[in-house]
Amino acid sequence: MRKELGILTLLAVLCILVAALNPQFLSAANIQNTSRLIGTYGIFSIGVGIVIITGGIDLSVGSMFALLGVLLSLMLTQWHWSPLVAVAVVVALGSLLGGIHGFLITRLSLQPFLVTLCGLLLYRGLARYIASDAVQGFGAGVGFEWLRDFTTGSIGRVPMPFVLMVAIAAVMWVMLHRSVYGRYLFAVGQNEEAARYSGINSRRVIASAYVISGFLAGIAAILLAFYTNSVSPSSHGNFYELYAIAAAVLGGCSLRGGEGSILGIVAGTALLQVLRNLVNLLDIPSSLDFAVMGAVILIGVIVDQVLRTRRSTKMSADS
């Protein structure tokens, strides 16, 4: 809980600083748009964070957004599928791709980095091929107006993606921190072999984490596609997996596995989006977004290493 309090305090200080530098930060329009982005990014960051807790990594979500976004556009505007069927297929396909990752990692003993890196390349290539490298849009939204209104609308003044993120985060919090399955996730991340010897089906636990990541990526893909209102297969979702990894690491997830929390991931997502908002409001070159992400991941890894070293030193001294 100490890590979560630290990141929340840092988030509050950053918000105060940004508001002091540019009062536009507190405008209703800016707060609503930032909340919308926090919601969308938070959903798929939670999925990636759960994978990281098991000691894995998912580099494919950005390309998955491109592939699923292209398919969603084709389903709705060219194939004229029912919106409910299109949504179900997109989410199911995201879950299936996550399941394939989990199968390759657990059954064929392939490295998560390699499997999801291949997914990053494969899904991007498929998206470009299916769309003939052309931008896919949603036009006037004829026949699926309610879906567009739902994904881009608000409850009161709270954007729907943020509402969905809160609901998903609540469910995932219970699953991760108040269930036997959650304890299995942490146990596998801390020591997979020890978890297996203690009776945990570590393969099934790890595979399920990738299914959850794919499921949440499918939901986020729909929100992101309607937020941008068009899908460029060559650039849609580029490097979004880095945002998710940075948010998870910033929120207290260890890249070694076995540590992390839903609250920390959400707070890390919010902090990154406020940083991006600061870049925009102060007219700082947007290319520095990647520098910020790189710095965040590096600092997170350094802090994790320092804390682990101190913990090991203390345990050795006590023994």
Protein backbone atom coordinates (compact mmCIF):
# COMPACT_ATOMS: atom_id res chain seq x y z
CA MET A 1 0.00 0.00 0.00
CA ARG A 2 2.99 2.29 0.53
CA LYS A 3 3.76 2.30 -3.20
CA GLU A 4 0.17 3.18 -4.08
CA LEU A 5 0.13 6.08 -1.63
CA GLY A 6 3.39 7.33 -3.09
CA ILE A 7 2.12 7.31 -6.67
CA LEU A 8 -1.20 8.91 -5.66
CA THR A 9 0.68 11.65 -3.81
CA LEU A 10 2.89 12.20 -6.84
CA LEU A 11 -0.20 12.36 -9.06
CA ALA A 12 -1.82 14.99 -6.82
CA VAL A 13 1.37 17.09 -6.76
CA LEU A 14 1.69 16.84 -10.55
CA CYS A 15 -1.95 17.92 -11.05
CA ILE A 16 -1.40 20.95 -8.81
CA LEU A 17 1.80 21.82 -10.68
CA VAL A 18 0.16 21.51 -14.12
CA ALA A 19 -2.82 23.60 -13.00
CA ALA A 20 -0.45 26.30 -11.70
CA LEU A 21 1.52 26.33 -14.96
CA ASN A 22 -1.57 26.40 -17.15
CA PRO A 23 -5.07 27.00 -15.68
CA GLN A 24 -6.51 25.47 -18.86
CA PHE A 25 -5.75 22.11 -17.25
CA LEU A 26 -8.76 22.58 -14.97
CA SER A 27 -11.19 23.41 -17.77
CA ALA A 28 -14.16 21.07 -18.06
CA ALA A 29 -13.27 20.08 -21.62
CA ASN A 30 -9.68 19.21 -20.74
CA ILE A 31 -10.62 17.24 -17.63
CA GLN A 32 -13.24 15.30 -19.58
CA ASN A 33 -10.87 14.46 -22.42
CA THR A 34 -8.08 13.47 -20.02
CA SER A 35 -10.53 11.27 -18.11
CA ARG A 36 -11.59 9.63 -21.36
CA LEU A 37 -7.98 8.79 -22.19
CA ILE A 38 -7.27 7.56 -18.66
CA GLY A 39 -10.28 5.25 -18.97
CA THR A 40 -9.28 3.80 -22.34
CA TYR A 41 -5.60 3.40 -21.48
CA GLY A 42 -6.40 2.16 -17.99
CA ILE A 43 -8.48 -0.75 -19.29
CA PHE A 44 -5.75 -2.35 -21.38
CA SER A 45 -3.03 -1.35 -18.88
CA ILE A 46 -4.78 -3.43 -16.23
CA GLY A 47 -4.60 -6.44 -18.54
CA VAL A 48 -0.92 -5.91 -19.29
CA GLY A 49 -0.27 -5.34 -15.58
CA ILE A 50 -1.80 -8.70 -14.67
CA VAL A 51 0.49 -10.38 -17.21
CA ILE A 52 3.49 -8.58 -15.70
CA ILE A 53 2.49 -9.77 -12.23
CA THR A 54 2.89 -13.35 -13.47
CA GLY A 55 6.40 -12.50 -14.65
CA GLY A 56 5.42 -12.16 -18.31
CA ILE A 57 5.14 -9.32 -20.80
CA ASP A 58 2.70 -8.39 -23.58
CA LEU A 59 4.11 -6.36 -26.46
CA SER A 60 1.27 -7.05 -28.87
CA VAL A 61 -1.60 -4.88 -27.63
CA GLY A 62 -0.84 -1.89 -29.88
CA SER A 63 -0.88 -3.99 -33.04
CA MET A 64 -3.92 -5.82 -31.71
CA PHE A 65 -5.73 -2.47 -31.62
CA ALA A 66 -4.94 -1.96 -35.30
CA LEU A 67 -6.15 -5.42 -36.32
CA LEU A 68 -9.30 -5.36 -34.19
CA GLY A 69 -10.05 -1.76 -35.17
CA VAL A 70 -9.82 -2.57 -38.88
CA LEU A 71 -12.05 -5.61 -38.45
CA LEU A 72 -14.58 -3.62 -36.40
CA SER A 73 -14.80 -0.98 -39.11
CA LEU A 74 -15.29 -3.59 -41.84
CA MET A 75 -17.90 -5.46 -39.81
CA LEU A 76 -19.98 -2.34 -39.25
CA THR A 77 -19.57 -0.36 -42.48
CA GLN A 78 -18.97 -2.95 -45.22
CA TRP A 79 -20.20 -6.29 -43.96
CA HIS A 80 -23.15 -4.68 -42.12
CA TRP A 81 -23.02 -6.96 -39.12
CA SER A 82 -25.16 -6.33 -36.07
CA PRO A 83 -23.26 -3.99 -33.69
CA LEU A 84 -23.71 -6.45 -30.82
CA VAL A 85 -22.28 -9.29 -32.90
CA ALA A 86 -19.36 -7.12 -34.06
CA VAL A 87 -18.54 -6.11 -30.47
CA ALA A 88 -18.77 -9.73 -29.28
CA VAL A 89 -16.52 -10.94 -32.11
CA VAL A 90 -13.90 -8.24 -31.47
CA VAL A 91 -13.75 -9.00 -27.74
CA ALA A 92 -13.77 -12.76 -28.37
CA LEU A 93 -10.99 -12.42 -30.95
CA GLY A 94 -8.90 -10.39 -28.50
CA SER A 95 -9.39 -13.11 -25.90
CA LEU A 96 -8.50 -15.79 -28.45
CA LEU A 97 -5.27 -14.05 -29.42
CA GLY A 98 -4.39 -13.77 -25.75
CA GLY A 99 -5.15 -17.46 -25.34
CA ILE A 100 -2.84 -18.31 -28.23
CA HIS A 101 -0.08 -16.32 -26.55
CA GLY A 102 -0.69 -18.19 -23.33
CA PHE A 103 -0.65 -21.56 -25.11
CA LEU A 104 2.63 -20.87 -26.88
CA ILE A 105 4.24 -19.63 -23.68
CA THR A 106 3.04 -22.37 -21.34
CA ARG A 107 2.80 -25.42 -23.61
CA LEU A 108 5.72 -24.81 -25.95
CA SER A 109 7.85 -23.04 -23.33
CA LEU A 110 8.48 -20.02 -25.56
CA GLN A 111 9.60 -16.73 -24.05
CA PRO A 112 6.76 -14.21 -23.51
CA PHE A 113 8.89 -11.45 -25.02
CA LEU A 114 9.41 -13.44 -28.22
CA VAL A 115 5.80 -14.61 -28.55
CA THR A 116 4.24 -11.18 -28.07
CA LEU A 117 6.89 -9.47 -30.19
CA CYS A 118 5.93 -11.81 -33.03
CA GLY A 119 2.30 -10.93 -32.31
CA LEU A 120 3.17 -7.24 -32.58
CA LEU A 121 4.59 -7.80 -36.07
CA LEU A 122 2.00 -10.33 -37.22
CA TYR A 123 -1.13 -8.39 -36.19
CA ARG A 124 0.16 -5.14 -37.66
CA GLY A 125 0.93 -6.91 -40.93
CA LEU A 126 -2.50 -8.57 -41.01
CA ALA A 127 -4.22 -5.25 -40.33
CA ARG A 128 -2.38 -3.61 -43.21
CA TYR A 129 -3.12 -6.52 -45.54
CA ILE A 130 -6.81 -6.76 -44.69
CA ALA A 131 -7.29 -3.01 -45.08
CA SER A 132 -5.04 -2.83 -48.16
CA ASP A 133 -3.05 -0.27 -46.18
CA ALA A 134 -6.00 2.14 -46.42
CA VAL A 135 -7.50 4.09 -43.53
CA GLN A 136 -10.74 2.55 -42.31
CA GLY A 137 -13.43 4.80 -40.85
CA PHE A 138 -16.94 4.61 -39.48
CA GLY A 139 -18.61 7.17 -41.73
CA ALA A 140 -21.82 8.65 -40.37
CA GLY A 141 -22.34 5.67 -38.12
CA VAL A 142 -25.57 4.65 -39.85
CA GLY A 143 -26.98 1.53 -38.26
CA PHE A 144 -24.76 1.60 -35.19
CA GLU A 145 -25.40 5.10 -33.81
CA TRP A 146 -26.14 3.72 -30.34
CA LEU A 147 -22.76 1.98 -30.19
CA ARG A 148 -20.92 5.15 -31.17
CA ASP A 149 -22.95 7.18 -28.67
CA PHE A 150 -22.25 4.62 -25.95
CA THR A 151 -18.49 4.48 -26.48
CA THR A 152 -18.03 8.22 -26.96
CA GLY A 153 -20.74 9.40 -24.58
CA SER A 154 -20.83 10.20 -20.88
CA ILE A 155 -22.81 9.49 -17.76
CA GLY A 156 -23.45 12.98 -16.48
CA ARG A 157 -20.10 14.53 -17.30
CA VAL A 158 -18.06 11.40 -16.69
CA PRO A 159 -16.86 9.84 -19.99
CA MET A 160 -18.04 6.29 -20.60
CA PRO A 161 -14.48 4.86 -20.98
CA PHE A 162 -13.67 6.14 -17.48
CA VAL A 163 -16.87 4.60 -16.09
CA LEU A 164 -16.03 1.28 -17.73
CA MET A 165 -12.47 1.43 -16.38
CA VAL A 166 -13.72 1.99 -12.84
CA ALA A 167 -16.11 -0.97 -13.14
CA ILE A 168 -13.41 -3.22 -14.64
CA ALA A 169 -10.85 -2.08 -12.06
CA ALA A 170 -13.28 -2.91 -9.25
CA VAL A 171 -13.84 -6.43 -10.60
CA MET A 172 -10.12 -6.95 -11.18
CA TRP A 173 -9.29 -5.62 -7.71
CA VAL A 174 -11.53 -8.23 -6.11
CA MET A 175 -10.11 -10.93 -8.38
CA LEU A 176 -6.47 -9.99 -7.76
CA HIS A 177 -6.53 -9.01 -4.09
CA ARG A 178 -9.46 -10.90 -2.59
CA SER A 179 -9.54 -14.27 -4.33
CA VAL A 180 -7.58 -17.51 -4.39
CA TYR A 181 -6.92 -16.96 -8.09
CA GLY A 182 -5.26 -13.65 -7.30
CA ARG A 183 -2.96 -15.34 -4.78
CA TYR A 184 -2.07 -17.87 -7.46
CA LEU A 185 -1.12 -15.05 -9.86
CA PHE A 186 1.25 -13.55 -7.31
CA ALA A 187 2.65 -16.96 -6.34
CA VAL A 188 3.41 -17.85 -9.95
CA GLY A 189 5.05 -14.48 -10.50
CA GLN A 190 7.25 -14.82 -7.43
CA ASN A 191 8.42 -18.36 -8.16
CA GLU A 192 6.70 -20.45 -10.82
CA GLU A 193 8.47 -23.67 -9.89
CA ALA A 194 7.65 -23.32 -6.20
CA ALA A 195 4.04 -22.53 -7.08
CA ARG A 196 3.83 -25.67 -9.21
CA TYR A 197 5.24 -27.83 -6.41
CA SER A 198 2.68 -26.37 -4.01
CA GLY A 199 -0.14 -27.67 -6.18
CA ILE A 200 -0.89 -24.62 -8.34
CA ASN A 201 -1.52 -25.27 -12.02
CA SER A 202 0.94 -22.57 -13.03
CA ARG A 203 0.46 -23.14 -16.76
CA ARG A 204 -3.26 -22.53 -16.51
CA VAL A 205 -2.78 -19.45 -14.32
CA ILE A 206 -0.24 -17.89 -16.70
CA ALA A 207 -2.34 -18.68 -19.79
CA SER A 208 -5.42 -17.16 -18.16
CA ALA A 209 -3.50 -13.92 -17.51
CA TYR A 210 -2.89 -13.56 -21.26
CA VAL A 211 -6.55 -14.28 -21.98
CA ILE A 212 -7.54 -11.50 -19.59
CA SER A 213 -5.07 -9.16 -21.26
CA GLY A 214 -6.51 -9.99 -24.69
CA PHE A 215 -10.08 -9.60 -23.43
CA LEU A 216 -9.40 -6.14 -22.01
CA ALA A 217 -7.45 -5.20 -25.15
CA GLY A 218 -10.56 -6.08 -27.17
CA ILE A 219 -12.71 -3.74 -25.09
CA ALA A 220 -10.11 -0.96 -25.31
CA ALA A 221 -9.80 -1.50 -29.09
CA ILE A 222 -13.48 -0.67 -29.54
CA LEU A 223 -13.25 2.45 -27.39
CA LEU A 224 -10.08 3.61 -29.12
CA ALA A 225 -11.47 3.02 -32.61
CA PHE A 226 -14.52 5.19 -31.95
CA TYR A 227 -12.43 7.80 -30.12
CA THR A 228 -10.21 8.30 -33.17
CA ASN A 229 -13.16 7.62 -35.53
CA SER A 230 -10.72 6.09 -38.02
CA VAL A 231 -8.14 3.34 -38.06
CA SER A 232 -4.88 3.70 -39.95
CA PRO A 233 -3.52 0.13 -40.03
CA SER A 234 0.09 1.30 -40.23
CA SER A 235 0.00 3.60 -37.18
CA HIS A 236 -3.13 2.97 -35.12
CA GLY A 237 -2.10 1.91 -31.62
CA ASN A 238 1.62 2.31 -32.29
CA PHE A 239 3.68 1.92 -29.06
CA TYR A 240 0.55 1.71 -26.88
CA GLU A 241 2.02 -1.40 -25.27
CA LEU A 242 4.77 0.87 -23.91
CA TYR A 243 2.20 3.09 -22.23
CA ALA A 244 0.70 0.03 -20.56
CA ILE A 245 4.08 -1.30 -19.42
CA ALA A 246 5.12 2.14 -18.16
CA ALA A 247 1.83 2.58 -16.28
CA ALA A 248 2.19 -0.85 -14.64
CA VAL A 249 5.83 -0.29 -13.66
CA LEU A 250 5.10 3.22 -12.42
CA GLY A 251 2.19 1.81 -10.43
CA GLY A 252 4.37 -0.67 -8.56
CA CYS A 253 4.40 -3.78 -10.76
CA SER A 254 7.78 -5.47 -10.84
CA LEU A 255 9.01 -6.64 -14.24
CA ARG A 256 10.38 -9.65 -12.37
CA GLY A 257 6.82 -10.62 -11.44
CA GLY A 258 5.06 -11.24 -8.15
CA GLU A 259 4.28 -7.61 -7.29
CA GLY A 260 1.66 -5.07 -8.27
CA SER A 261 -1.84 -3.81 -7.62
CA ILE A 262 -4.86 -2.64 -9.61
CA LEU A 263 -4.93 0.71 -7.80
CA GLY A 264 -1.27 1.25 -8.63
CA ILE A 265 -1.81 0.46 -12.32
CA VAL A 266 -4.73 2.88 -12.56
CA ALA A 267 -2.77 5.58 -10.72
CA GLY A 268 0.22 4.98 -13.02
CA THR A 269 -2.04 5.34 -16.05
CA ALA A 270 -3.46 8.60 -14.71
CA LEU A 271 0.01 9.95 -13.99
CA LEU A 272 1.20 9.21 -17.52
CA GLN A 273 -1.85 10.86 -19.07
CA VAL A 274 -1.40 13.95 -16.90
CA LEU A 275 2.24 14.08 -18.03
CA ARG A 276 1.11 13.85 -21.66
CA ASN A 277 -1.43 16.57 -21.01
CA LEU A 278 1.33 18.74 -19.52
CA VAL A 279 3.38 18.24 -22.69
CA ASN A 280 0.44 19.42 -24.81
CA LEU A 281 -0.54 22.38 -22.65
CA LEU A 282 3.01 23.72 -22.45
CA ASP A 283 3.64 23.24 -26.20
CA ILE A 284 6.49 20.84 -25.50
CA PRO A 285 7.33 18.68 -28.57
CA SER A 286 5.09 15.61 -28.48
CA SER A 287 8.06 13.43 -29.41
CA LEU A 288 9.11 13.73 -25.78
CA ASP A 289 6.22 11.38 -24.91
CA PHE A 290 8.51 8.45 -25.69
CA ALA A 291 11.35 9.98 -23.69
CA VAL A 292 9.00 10.24 -20.70
CA MET A 293 7.91 6.61 -21.09
CA GLY A 294 11.49 5.42 -21.39
CA ALA A 295 12.50 7.39 -18.31
CA VAL A 296 9.52 6.04 -16.35
CA ILE A 297 10.30 2.41 -17.18
CA LEU A 298 14.01 2.89 -16.43
CA ILE A 299 13.34 4.61 -13.10
CA GLY A 300 10.83 1.90 -12.18
CA VAL A 301 13.33 -0.88 -12.92
CA ILE A 302 16.08 0.92 -10.95
CA VAL A 303 13.79 1.45 -7.95
CA ASP A 304 12.66 -2.19 -8.10
CA GLN A 305 16.27 -3.38 -8.16
CA VAL A 306 17.28 -1.12 -5.27
CA LEU A 307 14.33 -2.25 -3.15
CA ARG A 308 14.99 -5.91 -3.87
CA THR A 309 18.67 -5.52 -3.02
CA ARG A 310 17.83 -3.81 0.27
CA ARG A 311 15.25 -6.46 1.11
CA SER A 312 17.70 -9.27 0.39
CA THR A 313 20.41 -7.55 2.45
CA LYS A 314 18.03 -7.09 5.37
CA MET A 315 16.88 -10.72 5.25
CA SER A 316 20.50 -11.90 5.16
CA ALA A 317 21.34 -9.70 8.15
CA ASP A 318 18.32 -10.95 10.13
CA SER A 319 19.25 -14.56 9.48
